[in-house]
PDB file of N, CA and C in Angstrom:
ATOM      1  N   MET A   1      26.320 -25.493 133.078  1.00  0.00           N
ATOM      2  CA  MET A   1      25.546 -24.589 133.902  1.00  0.00           C
ATOM      3  C   MET A   1      24.858 -25.413 134.985  1.00  0.00           C
ATOM      4  N   LYS A   2      24.956 -24.940 136.225  1.00  0.00           N
ATOM      5  CA  LYS A   2      24.369 -25.650 137.363  1.00  0.00           C
ATOM      6  C   LYS A   2      22.906 -25.254 137.544  1.00  0.00           C
ATOM      7  N   LYS A   3      22.064 -26.259 137.730  1.00  0.00           N
ATOM      8  CA  LYS A   3      20.637 -26.023 137.947  1.00  0.00           C
ATOM      9  C   LYS A   3      20.401 -25.643 139.408  1.00  0.00           C
ATOM     10  N   ILE A   4      19.567 -24.628 139.619  1.00  0.00           N
ATOM     11  CA  ILE A   4      19.229 -24.184 140.971  1.00  0.00           C
ATOM     12  C   ILE A   4      18.097 -25.051 141.497  1.00  0.00           C
ATOM     13  N   GLU A   5      18.290 -25.610 142.671  1.00  0.00           N
ATOM     14  CA  GLU A   5      17.242 -26.418 143.289  1.00  0.00           C
ATOM     15  C   GLU A   5      16.487 -25.572 144.298  1.00  0.00           C
ATOM     16  N   ILE A   6      15.176 -25.630 144.200  1.00  0.00           N
ATOM     17  CA  ILE A   6      14.319 -24.846 145.089  1.00  0.00           C
ATOM     18  C   ILE A   6      13.546 -25.820 145.969  1.00  0.00           C
ATOM     19  N   ASP A   7      13.596 -25.603 147.286  1.00  0.00           N
ATOM     20  CA  ASP A   7      12.968 -26.533 148.223  1.00  0.00           C
ATOM     21  C   ASP A   7      11.632 -26.021 148.766  1.00  0.00           C
ATOM     22  N   TYR A   8      11.001 -25.152 148.028  1.00  0.00           N
ATOM     23  CA  TYR A   8       9.717 -24.610 148.464  1.00  0.00           C
ATOM     24  C   TYR A   8       8.886 -24.235 147.253  1.00  0.00           C
ATOM     25  N   ASN A   9       7.613 -24.049 147.492  1.00  0.00           N
ATOM     26  CA  ASN A   9       6.714 -23.636 146.432  1.00  0.00           C
ATOM     27  C   ASN A   9       6.478 -22.132 146.574  1.00  0.00           C
ATOM     28  N   ILE A  10       6.894 -21.366 145.617  1.00  0.00           N
ATOM     29  CA  ILE A  10       6.781 -19.905 145.682  1.00  0.00           C
ATOM     30  C   ILE A  10       5.334 -19.457 145.850  1.00  0.00           C
ATOM     31  N   TYR A  11       4.407 -20.192 145.247  1.00  0.00           N
ATOM     32  CA  TYR A  11       3.003 -19.820 145.394  1.00  0.00           C
ATOM     33  C   TYR A  11       2.545 -19.963 146.845  1.00  0.00           C
ATOM     34  N   ASP A  12       2.999 -21.011 147.535  1.00  0.00           N
ATOM     35  CA  ASP A  12       2.625 -21.184 148.940  1.00  0.00           C
ATOM     36  C   ASP A  12       3.147 -20.030 149.792  1.00  0.00           C
ATOM     37  N   ILE A  13       4.359 -19.582 149.517  1.00  0.00           N
ATOM     38  CA  ILE A  13       4.939 -18.453 150.252  1.00  0.00           C
ATOM     39  C   ILE A  13       4.119 -17.198 150.002  1.00  0.00           C
ATOM     40  N   ILE A  14       3.805 -16.919 148.754  1.00  0.00           N
ATOM     41  CA  ILE A  14       3.036 -15.724 148.411  1.00  0.00           C
ATOM     42  C   ILE A  14       1.651 -15.784 149.045  1.00  0.00           C
ATOM     43  N   LYS A  15       1.003 -16.935 148.985  1.00  0.00           N
ATOM     44  CA  LYS A  15      -0.329 -17.095 149.561  1.00  0.00           C
ATOM     45  C   LYS A  15      -0.323 -16.792 151.053  1.00  0.00           C
ATOM     46  N   LYS A  16       0.659 -17.328 151.768  1.00  0.00           N
ATOM     47  CA  LYS A  16       0.768 -17.078 153.212  1.00  0.00           C
ATOM     48  C   LYS A  16       1.015 -15.596 153.485  1.00  0.00           C
ATOM     49  N   ASN A  17       1.865 -14.977 152.677  1.00  0.00           N
ATOM     50  CA  ASN A  17       2.179 -13.564 152.884  1.00  0.00           C
ATOM     51  C   ASN A  17       0.988 -12.657 152.573  1.00  0.00           C
ATOM     52  N   ILE A  18       0.227 -12.980 151.549  1.00  0.00           N
ATOM     53  CA  ILE A  18      -0.971 -12.181 151.246  1.00  0.00           C
ATOM     54  C   ILE A  18      -1.909 -12.216 152.441  1.00  0.00           C
ATOM     55  N   LYS A  19      -2.146 -13.397 152.957  1.00  0.00           N
ATOM     56  CA  LYS A  19      -3.041 -13.547 154.105  1.00  0.00           C
ATOM     57  C   LYS A  19      -2.492 -12.800 155.322  1.00  0.00           C
ATOM     58  N   LYS A  20      -1.198 -12.927 155.562  1.00  0.00           N
ATOM     59  CA  LYS A  20      -0.551 -12.265 156.699  1.00  0.00           C
ATOM     60  C   LYS A  20      -0.702 -10.743 156.623  1.00  0.00           C
ATOM     61  N   TYR A  21      -0.336 -10.166 155.493  1.00  0.00           N
ATOM     62  CA  TYR A  21      -0.394  -8.708 155.362  1.00  0.00           C
ATOM     63  C   TYR A  21      -1.827  -8.190 155.306  1.00  0.00           C
ATOM     64  N   ARG A  22      -2.725  -8.979 154.738  1.00  0.00           N
ATOM     65  CA  ARG A  22      -4.140  -8.586 154.724  1.00  0.00           C
ATOM     66  C   ARG A  22      -4.675  -8.502 156.151  1.00  0.00           C
ATOM     67  N   LYS A  23      -4.351  -9.495 156.961  1.00  0.00           N
ATOM     68  CA  LYS A  23      -4.805  -9.495 158.356  1.00  0.00           C
ATOM     69  C   LYS A  23      -4.161  -8.356 159.148  1.00  0.00           C
ATOM     70  N   GLU A  24      -2.882  -8.091 158.894  1.00  0.00           N
ATOM     71  CA  GLU A  24      -2.198  -6.981 159.572  1.00  0.00           C
ATOM     72  C   GLU A  24      -2.869  -5.644 159.264  1.00  0.00           C
ATOM     73  N   LYS A  25      -3.376  -5.515 158.052  1.00  0.00           N
ATOM     74  CA  LYS A  25      -4.047  -4.272 157.648  1.00  0.00           C
ATOM     75  C   LYS A  25      -5.498  -4.223 158.116  1.00  0.00           C
ATOM     76  N   GLY A  26      -6.000  -5.336 158.655  1.00  0.00           N
ATOM     77  CA  GLY A  26      -7.388  -5.386 159.112  1.00  0.00           C
ATOM     78  C   GLY A  26      -8.388  -5.382 157.968  1.00  0.00           C
ATOM     79  N   ILE A  27      -7.998  -5.989 156.849  1.00  0.00           N
ATOM     80  CA  ILE A  27      -8.842  -6.030 155.662  1.00  0.00           C
ATOM     81  C   ILE A  27      -9.382  -7.452 155.500  1.00  0.00           C
ATOM     82  N   THR A  28     -10.659  -7.584 155.223  1.00  0.00           N
ATOM     83  CA  THR A  28     -11.235  -8.910 154.958  1.00  0.00           C
ATOM     84  C   THR A  28     -10.900  -9.340 153.534  1.00  0.00           C
ATOM     85  N   SER A  29     -11.074 -10.627 153.272  1.00  0.00           N
ATOM     86  CA  SER A  29     -10.866 -11.134 151.908  1.00  0.00           C
ATOM     87  C   SER A  29     -11.814 -10.454 150.927  1.00  0.00           C
ATOM     88  N   ALA A  30     -13.042 -10.231 151.367  1.00  0.00           N
ATOM     89  CA  ALA A  30     -14.031  -9.569 150.503  1.00  0.00           C
ATOM     90  C   ALA A  30     -13.605  -8.134 150.193  1.00  0.00           C
ATOM     91  N   GLU A  31     -13.087  -7.432 151.181  1.00  0.00           N
ATOM     92  CA  GLU A  31     -12.627  -6.053 150.957  1.00  0.00           C
ATOM     93  C   GLU A  31     -11.432  -6.027 150.001  1.00  0.00           C
ATOM     94  N   LEU A  32     -10.510  -6.965 150.188  1.00  0.00           N
ATOM     95  CA  LEU A  32      -9.357  -7.035 149.289  1.00  0.00           C
ATOM     96  C   LEU A  32      -9.816  -7.339 147.870  1.00  0.00           C
ATOM     97  N   ALA A  33     -10.753  -8.259 147.739  1.00  0.00           N
ATOM     98  CA  ALA A  33     -11.282  -8.607 146.415  1.00  0.00           C
ATOM     99  C   ALA A  33     -11.864  -7.377 145.727  1.00  0.00           C
ATOM    100  N   GLU A  34     -12.613  -6.590 146.477  1.00  0.00           N
ATOM    101  CA  GLU A  34     -13.207  -5.381 145.910  1.00  0.00           C
ATOM    102  C   GLU A  34     -12.129  -4.373 145.512  1.00  0.00           C
ATOM    103  N   MET A  35     -11.093  -4.248 146.346  1.00  0.00           N
ATOM    104  CA  MET A  35     -10.021  -3.283 146.070  1.00  0.00           C
ATOM    105  C   MET A  35      -9.268  -3.619 144.778  1.00  0.00           C
ATOM    106  N   VAL A  36      -9.111  -4.911 144.493  1.00  0.00           N
ATOM    107  CA  VAL A  36      -8.328  -5.317 143.324  1.00  0.00           C
ATOM    108  C   VAL A  36      -9.196  -5.798 142.164  1.00  0.00           C
ATOM    109  N   ASP A  37     -10.506  -5.640 142.312  1.00  0.00           N
ATOM    110  CA  ASP A  37     -11.467  -5.966 141.265  1.00  0.00           C
ATOM    111  C   ASP A  37     -11.395  -7.436 140.839  1.00  0.00           C
ATOM    112  N   LEU A  38     -11.378  -8.316 141.847  1.00  0.00           N
ATOM    113  CA  LEU A  38     -11.422  -9.754 141.621  1.00  0.00           C
ATOM    114  C   LEU A  38     -12.534 -10.333 142.483  1.00  0.00           C
ATOM    115  N   SER A  39     -12.926 -11.558 142.202  1.00  0.00           N
ATOM    116  CA  SER A  39     -13.997 -12.161 142.983  1.00  0.00           C
ATOM    117  C   SER A  39     -13.497 -12.553 144.374  1.00  0.00           C
ATOM    118  N   HIS A  40     -14.434 -12.540 145.318  1.00  0.00           N
ATOM    119  CA  HIS A  40     -14.109 -12.940 146.688  1.00  0.00           C
ATOM    120  C   HIS A  40     -13.613 -14.389 146.706  1.00  0.00           C
ATOM    121  N   GLU A  41     -14.241 -15.252 145.918  1.00  0.00           N
ATOM    122  CA  GLU A  41     -13.839 -16.660 145.855  1.00  0.00           C
ATOM    123  C   GLU A  41     -12.395 -16.803 145.368  1.00  0.00           C
ATOM    124  N   PHE A  42     -12.018 -16.000 144.372  1.00  0.00           N
ATOM    125  CA  PHE A  42     -10.651 -16.066 143.854  1.00  0.00           C
ATOM    126  C   PHE A  42      -9.652 -15.619 144.912  1.00  0.00           C
ATOM    127  N   ILE A  43      -9.940 -14.544 145.618  1.00  0.00           N
ATOM    128  CA  ILE A  43      -9.049 -14.062 146.676  1.00  0.00           C
ATOM    129  C   ILE A  43      -8.929 -15.107 147.773  1.00  0.00           C
ATOM    130  N   ARG A  44     -10.038 -15.715 148.158  1.00  0.00           N
ATOM    131  CA  ARG A  44      -9.988 -16.770 149.174  1.00  0.00           C
ATOM    132  C   ARG A  44      -9.126 -17.935 148.689  1.00  0.00           C
ATOM    133  N   ALA A  45      -9.274 -18.302 147.436  1.00  0.00           N
ATOM    134  CA  ALA A  45      -8.516 -19.428 146.884  1.00  0.00           C
ATOM    135  C   ALA A  45      -7.017 -19.145 146.846  1.00  0.00           C
ATOM    136  N   ILE A  46      -6.645 -17.920 146.484  1.00  0.00           N
ATOM    137  CA  ILE A  46      -5.203 -17.652 146.397  1.00  0.00           C
ATOM    138  C   ILE A  46      -4.557 -17.462 147.761  1.00  0.00           C
ATOM    139  N   GLN A  47      -5.345 -17.386 148.818  1.00  0.00           N
ATOM    140  CA  GLN A  47      -4.792 -17.318 150.168  1.00  0.00           C
ATOM    141  C   GLN A  47      -4.702 -18.703 150.814  1.00  0.00           C
ATOM    142  N   SER A  48      -5.272 -19.690 150.179  1.00  0.00           N
ATOM    143  CA  SER A  48      -5.305 -21.040 150.733  1.00  0.00           C
ATOM    144  C   SER A  48      -4.181 -21.881 150.151  1.00  0.00           C
ATOM    145  N   THR A  49      -3.322 -22.419 151.006  1.00  0.00           N
ATOM    146  CA  THR A  49      -2.242 -23.279 150.527  1.00  0.00           C
ATOM    147  C   THR A  49      -2.786 -24.628 150.073  1.00  0.00           C
ATOM    148  N   LYS A  50      -4.039 -24.932 150.405  1.00  0.00           N
ATOM    149  CA  LYS A  50      -4.663 -26.181 149.948  1.00  0.00           C
ATOM    150  C   LYS A  50      -5.165 -26.049 148.513  1.00  0.00           C
ATOM    151  N   SER A  51      -5.365 -24.826 148.082  1.00  0.00           N
ATOM    152  CA  SER A  51      -5.861 -24.558 146.741  1.00  0.00           C
ATOM    153  C   SER A  51      -4.721 -24.626 145.738  1.00  0.00           C
ATOM    154  N   LYS A  52      -5.018 -25.106 144.560  1.00  0.00           N
ATOM    155  CA  LYS A  52      -4.025 -25.156 143.473  1.00  0.00           C
ATOM    156  C   LYS A  52      -4.132 -23.935 142.566  1.00  0.00           C
ATOM    157  N   THR A  53      -4.887 -22.927 143.010  1.00  0.00           N
ATOM    158  CA  THR A  53      -5.085 -21.721 142.216  1.00  0.00           C
ATOM    159  C   THR A  53      -3.786 -20.939 142.096  1.00  0.00           C
ATOM    160  N   ASN A  54      -3.399 -20.638 140.875  1.00  0.00           N
ATOM    161  CA  ASN A  54      -2.246 -19.787 140.628  1.00  0.00           C
ATOM    162  C   ASN A  54      -2.749 -18.440 140.123  1.00  0.00           C
ATOM    163  N   PHE A  55      -1.870 -17.486 140.054  1.00  0.00           N
ATOM    164  CA  PHE A  55      -2.258 -16.138 139.685  1.00  0.00           C
ATOM    165  C   PHE A  55      -1.137 -15.465 138.926  1.00  0.00           C
ATOM    166  N   SER A  56      -1.480 -14.384 138.259  1.00  0.00           N
ATOM    167  CA  SER A  56      -0.524 -13.682 137.403  1.00  0.00           C
ATOM    168  C   SER A  56       0.292 -12.663 138.191  1.00  0.00           C
ATOM    169  N   VAL A  57       1.336 -12.195 137.555  1.00  0.00           N
ATOM    170  CA  VAL A  57       2.153 -11.125 138.141  1.00  0.00           C
ATOM    171  C   VAL A  57       1.299  -9.870 138.284  1.00  0.00           C
ATOM    172  N   ASP A  58       0.397  -9.631 137.335  1.00  0.00           N
ATOM    173  CA  ASP A  58      -0.499  -8.481 137.419  1.00  0.00           C
ATOM    174  C   ASP A  58      -1.354  -8.553 138.682  1.00  0.00           C
ATOM    175  N   THR A  59      -1.896  -9.730 138.979  1.00  0.00           N
ATOM    176  CA  THR A  59      -2.703  -9.901 140.193  1.00  0.00           C
ATOM    177  C   THR A  59      -1.852  -9.660 141.432  1.00  0.00           C
ATOM    178  N   LEU A  60      -0.653 -10.207 141.445  1.00  0.00           N
ATOM    179  CA  LEU A  60       0.259 -10.005 142.577  1.00  0.00           C
ATOM    180  C   LEU A  60       0.552  -8.521 142.765  1.00  0.00           C
ATOM    181  N   TYR A  61       0.787  -7.814 141.671  1.00  0.00           N
ATOM    182  CA  TYR A  61       1.069  -6.380 141.727  1.00  0.00           C
ATOM    183  C   TYR A  61      -0.125  -5.603 142.283  1.00  0.00           C
ATOM    184  N   ARG A  62      -1.323  -5.920 141.804  1.00  0.00           N
ATOM    185  CA  ARG A  62      -2.518  -5.217 142.288  1.00  0.00           C
ATOM    186  C   ARG A  62      -2.748  -5.477 143.773  1.00  0.00           C
ATOM    187  N   ILE A  63      -2.501  -6.700 144.216  1.00  0.00           N
ATOM    188  CA  ILE A  63      -2.647  -7.018 145.637  1.00  0.00           C
ATOM    189  C   ILE A  63      -1.600  -6.272 146.453  1.00  0.00           C
ATOM    190  N   SER A  64      -0.383  -6.197 145.956  1.00  0.00           N
ATOM    191  CA  SER A  64       0.673  -5.477 146.687  1.00  0.00           C
ATOM    192  C   SER A  64       0.315  -4.005 146.843  1.00  0.00           C
ATOM    193  N   LEU A  65      -0.277  -3.411 145.807  1.00  0.00           N
ATOM    194  CA  LEU A  65      -0.708  -2.008 145.898  1.00  0.00           C
ATOM    195  C   LEU A  65      -1.836  -1.854 146.910  1.00  0.00           C
ATOM    196  N   ALA A  66      -2.803  -2.764 146.874  1.00  0.00           N
ATOM    197  CA  ALA A  66      -3.944  -2.688 147.786  1.00  0.00           C
ATOM    198  C   ALA A  66      -3.501  -2.837 149.245  1.00  0.00           C
ATOM    199  N   LEU A  67      -2.517  -3.708 149.479  1.00  0.00           N
ATOM    200  CA  LEU A  67      -2.031  -3.936 150.844  1.00  0.00           C
ATOM    201  C   LEU A  67      -0.933  -2.961 151.240  1.00  0.00           C
ATOM    202  N   ASN A  68      -0.487  -2.147 150.269  1.00  0.00           N
ATOM    203  CA  ASN A  68       0.606  -1.210 150.495  1.00  0.00           C
ATOM    204  C   ASN A  68       1.861  -1.935 150.992  1.00  0.00           C
ATOM    205  N   VAL A  69       2.154  -3.041 150.308  1.00  0.00           N
ATOM    206  CA  VAL A  69       3.308  -3.883 150.635  1.00  0.00           C
ATOM    207  C   VAL A  69       4.067  -4.120 149.334  1.00  0.00           C
ATOM    208  N   SER A  70       5.379  -4.044 149.387  1.00  0.00           N
ATOM    209  CA  SER A  70       6.164  -4.262 148.170  1.00  0.00           C
ATOM    210  C   SER A  70       6.050  -5.716 147.719  1.00  0.00           C
ATOM    211  N   MET A  71       6.190  -5.917 146.426  1.00  0.00           N
ATOM    212  CA  MET A  71       6.102  -7.268 145.873  1.00  0.00           C
ATOM    213  C   MET A  71       7.194  -8.166 146.439  1.00  0.00           C
ATOM    214  N   ASP A  72       8.366  -7.600 146.732  1.00  0.00           N
ATOM    215  CA  ASP A  72       9.436  -8.447 147.276  1.00  0.00           C
ATOM    216  C   ASP A  72       9.058  -8.991 148.659  1.00  0.00           C
ATOM    217  N   LYS A  73       8.271  -8.247 149.422  1.00  0.00           N
ATOM    218  CA  LYS A  73       7.813  -8.767 150.718  1.00  0.00           C
ATOM    219  C   LYS A  73       6.819  -9.901 150.526  1.00  0.00           C
ATOM    220  N   LEU A  74       6.020  -9.830 149.476  1.00  0.00           N
ATOM    221  CA  LEU A  74       5.045 -10.886 149.229  1.00  0.00           C
ATOM    222  C   LEU A  74       5.707 -12.192 148.774  1.00  0.00           C
ATOM    223  N   VAL A  75       6.877 -12.117 148.170  1.00  0.00           N
ATOM    224  CA  VAL A  75       7.565 -13.316 147.718  1.00  0.00           C
ATOM    225  C   VAL A  75       8.676 -13.769 148.667  1.00  0.00           C
ATOM    226  N   SER A  76       8.841 -13.048 149.763  1.00  0.00           N
ATOM    227  CA  SER A  76       9.922 -13.324 150.699  1.00  0.00           C
ATOM    228  C   SER A  76       9.592 -14.487 151.628  1.00  0.00           C
ATOM    229  N   LYS A  77      10.518 -15.424 151.704  1.00  0.00           N
ATOM    230  CA  LYS A  77      10.389 -16.564 152.623  1.00  0.00           C
ATOM    231  C   LYS A  77      11.022 -16.137 153.946  1.00  0.00           C
ATOM    232  N   GLU A  78      10.156 -15.820 154.892  1.00  0.00           N
ATOM    233  CA  GLU A  78      10.664 -15.283 156.162  1.00  0.00           C
ATOM    234  C   GLU A  78      10.733 -16.328 157.231  1.00  0.00           C
TER     235      GLU A  78
END
């Protein structure tokens, strides 16, 4: 069986996309945090590619609902 090599960090892609779609919707990090019932600091951390903060699929799903963006768009390397 051949191993698949990945040349990117999926978390970095998701973090950039969360920030992108949040800004497109005109929502602040604090507003997004309130919408998904997480702390503002946590939302800020998961949008920063400098942060090593990871998150669950549940968190990703809740953010996708709040931003009205499909999960596949949040994980898409565009």
